[in-house]
Structure formats: C-alpha cells, structure tokens
Amino acid sequence: MTGKLYIIQVTVFAVGVGSNVQKTELTTIASEPKCNRVYFLADFDDITAFTSQIMIGACKGDSSG
C-alpha cells in the first residue's frame, strides 16, 4: 500500500466480489498483513455474514507497533 493512507497509517481492507476479481490488485490495495486484509466473496449476498469479520479485524487494529 502506498500514498497518503500508508503515511497516516490507515488500515485498508480489500474485498473482491464475484469471479472476475484480480488477486494482485487486491493485495496491492490492502494493508499488511495481507493474509488478514484481503477477502474474496462469491457475490453480494455474502456481505452480511462477512461484515462481522471485517469489524473484528478492524477493531483489533495493528498490534505490531
């Protein structure tokens, strides 16, 4: 992740929806650690169940610093 968001230490989650998602694009967008910030959903019906995962990840924050 680059740019102003990186400088001000914003945690960025990248979510791809559907079958035409480019994994490399999502990993470029997401913050480190990528394994906890990049997600793939089959369709928008999965958003509701997925929301709680994002909220848990966002609330934990980054414990590395």
C-alpha atoms as a PDB file:
ATOM      1  CA  MET A   1       0.000   0.000   0.000  1.00  0.00           C
ATOM      2  CA  THR A   2       1.360   3.402  -0.889  1.00  0.00           C
ATOM      3  CA  GLY A   3       0.392   7.009  -0.698  1.00  0.00           C
ATOM      4  CA  LYS A   4      -1.252   9.136   1.938  1.00  0.00           C
ATOM      5  CA  LEU A   5      -3.148   6.263   3.564  1.00  0.00           C
ATOM      6  CA  TYR A   6       0.143   4.485   4.265  1.00  0.00           C
ATOM      7  CA  ILE A   7       1.718   7.642   5.648  1.00  0.00           C
ATOM      8  CA  ILE A   8      -1.132   8.236   8.105  1.00  0.00           C
ATOM      9  CA  GLN A   9      -1.238   4.516   8.972  1.00  0.00           C
ATOM     10  CA  VAL A  10      -4.791   3.735   7.832  1.00  0.00           C
ATOM     11  CA  THR A  11      -5.642   0.018   7.786  1.00  0.00           C
ATOM     12  CA  VAL A  12      -7.067  -0.869   4.377  1.00  0.00           C
ATOM     13  CA  PHE A  13      -9.142  -3.983   3.731  1.00  0.00           C
ATOM     14  CA  ALA A  14      -9.585  -5.089   0.124  1.00  0.00           C
ATOM     15  CA  VAL A  15     -12.712  -7.046  -0.800  1.00  0.00           C
ATOM     16  CA  GLY A  16     -13.294  -8.652  -4.174  1.00  0.00           C
ATOM     17  CA  VAL A  17     -16.806  -9.698  -5.159  1.00  0.00           C
ATOM     18  CA  GLY A  18     -17.513 -12.119  -7.982  1.00  0.00           C
ATOM     19  CA  SER A  19     -15.434 -14.347 -10.202  1.00  0.00           C
ATOM     20  CA  ASN A  20     -13.531 -11.673 -12.142  1.00  0.00           C
ATOM     21  CA  VAL A  21     -11.517 -10.406  -9.192  1.00  0.00           C
ATOM     22  CA  GLN A  22      -7.810  -9.785  -9.698  1.00  0.00           C
ATOM     23  CA  LYS A  23      -5.949 -11.052  -6.619  1.00  0.00           C
ATOM     24  CA  THR A  24      -2.868  -8.973  -7.426  1.00  0.00           C
ATOM     25  CA  GLU A  25      -4.913  -5.767  -7.449  1.00  0.00           C
ATOM     26  CA  LEU A  26      -6.449  -6.541  -4.073  1.00  0.00           C
ATOM     27  CA  THR A  27      -3.106  -7.363  -2.494  1.00  0.00           C
ATOM     28  CA  THR A  28      -1.695  -4.102  -3.823  1.00  0.00           C
ATOM     29  CA  ILE A  29      -4.547  -2.168  -2.210  1.00  0.00           C
ATOM     30  CA  ALA A  30      -4.598  -3.911   1.177  1.00  0.00           C
ATOM     31  CA  SER A  31      -2.555  -3.111   4.249  1.00  0.00           C
ATOM     32  CA  GLU A  32      -0.147  -5.554   5.850  1.00  0.00           C
ATOM     33  CA  PRO A  33      -0.576  -8.300   6.853  1.00  0.00           C
ATOM     34  CA  LYS A  34      -2.209  -9.124   3.524  1.00  0.00           C
ATOM     35  CA  CYS A  35      -3.445 -12.513   4.815  1.00  0.00           C
ATOM     36  CA  ASN A  36      -5.781 -10.643   7.213  1.00  0.00           C
ATOM     37  CA  ARG A  37      -6.791  -7.802   4.906  1.00  0.00           C
ATOM     38  CA  VAL A  38      -7.703  -9.383   1.532  1.00  0.00           C
ATOM     39  CA  TYR A  39     -11.069 -11.119   1.122  1.00  0.00           C
ATOM     40  CA  PHE A  40     -12.956 -12.752  -1.722  1.00  0.00           C
ATOM     41  CA  LEU A  41     -16.748 -13.086  -1.833  1.00  0.00           C
ATOM     42  CA  ALA A  42     -18.783 -15.094  -4.324  1.00  0.00           C
ATOM     43  CA  ASP A  43     -21.488 -12.430  -4.553  1.00  0.00           C
ATOM     44  CA  PHE A  44     -23.022  -9.522  -2.674  1.00  0.00           C
ATOM     45  CA  ASP A  45     -25.286 -11.887  -0.713  1.00  0.00           C
ATOM     46  CA  ASP A  46     -22.174 -12.808   1.287  1.00  0.00           C
ATOM     47  CA  ILE A  47     -21.674  -9.226   2.501  1.00  0.00           C
ATOM     48  CA  THR A  48     -23.917  -9.566   5.565  1.00  0.00           C
ATOM     49  CA  ALA A  49     -22.052 -12.542   7.022  1.00  0.00           C
ATOM     50  CA  PHE A  50     -18.728 -11.004   6.065  1.00  0.00           C
ATOM     51  CA  THR A  51     -19.367  -7.688   7.835  1.00  0.00           C
ATOM     52  CA  SER A  52     -18.708  -9.134  11.277  1.00  0.00           C
ATOM     53  CA  GLN A  53     -15.307 -10.466  10.151  1.00  0.00           C
ATOM     54  CA  ILE A  54     -14.276  -7.019   8.948  1.00  0.00           C
ATOM     55  CA  MET A  55     -15.467  -5.361  12.154  1.00  0.00           C
ATOM     56  CA  ILE A  56     -13.483  -7.816  14.292  1.00  0.00           C
ATOM     57  CA  GLY A  57     -10.362  -7.274  12.203  1.00  0.00           C
ATOM     58  CA  ALA A  58     -10.746  -3.512  12.228  1.00  0.00           C
ATOM     59  CA  CYS A  59     -11.302  -3.350  15.982  1.00  0.00           C
ATOM     60  CA  LYS A  60      -8.244  -5.460  16.764  1.00  0.00           C
ATOM     61  CA  GLY A  61      -6.036  -2.944  15.000  1.00  0.00           C
ATOM     62  CA  ASP A  62      -2.359  -3.462  14.393  1.00  0.00           C
ATOM     63  CA  SER A  63      -0.539  -4.968  17.350  1.00  0.00           C
ATOM     64  CA  SER A  64       2.866  -4.916  15.654  1.00  0.00           C
ATOM     65  CA  GLY A  65       3.711  -1.314  16.500  1.00  0.00           C
END
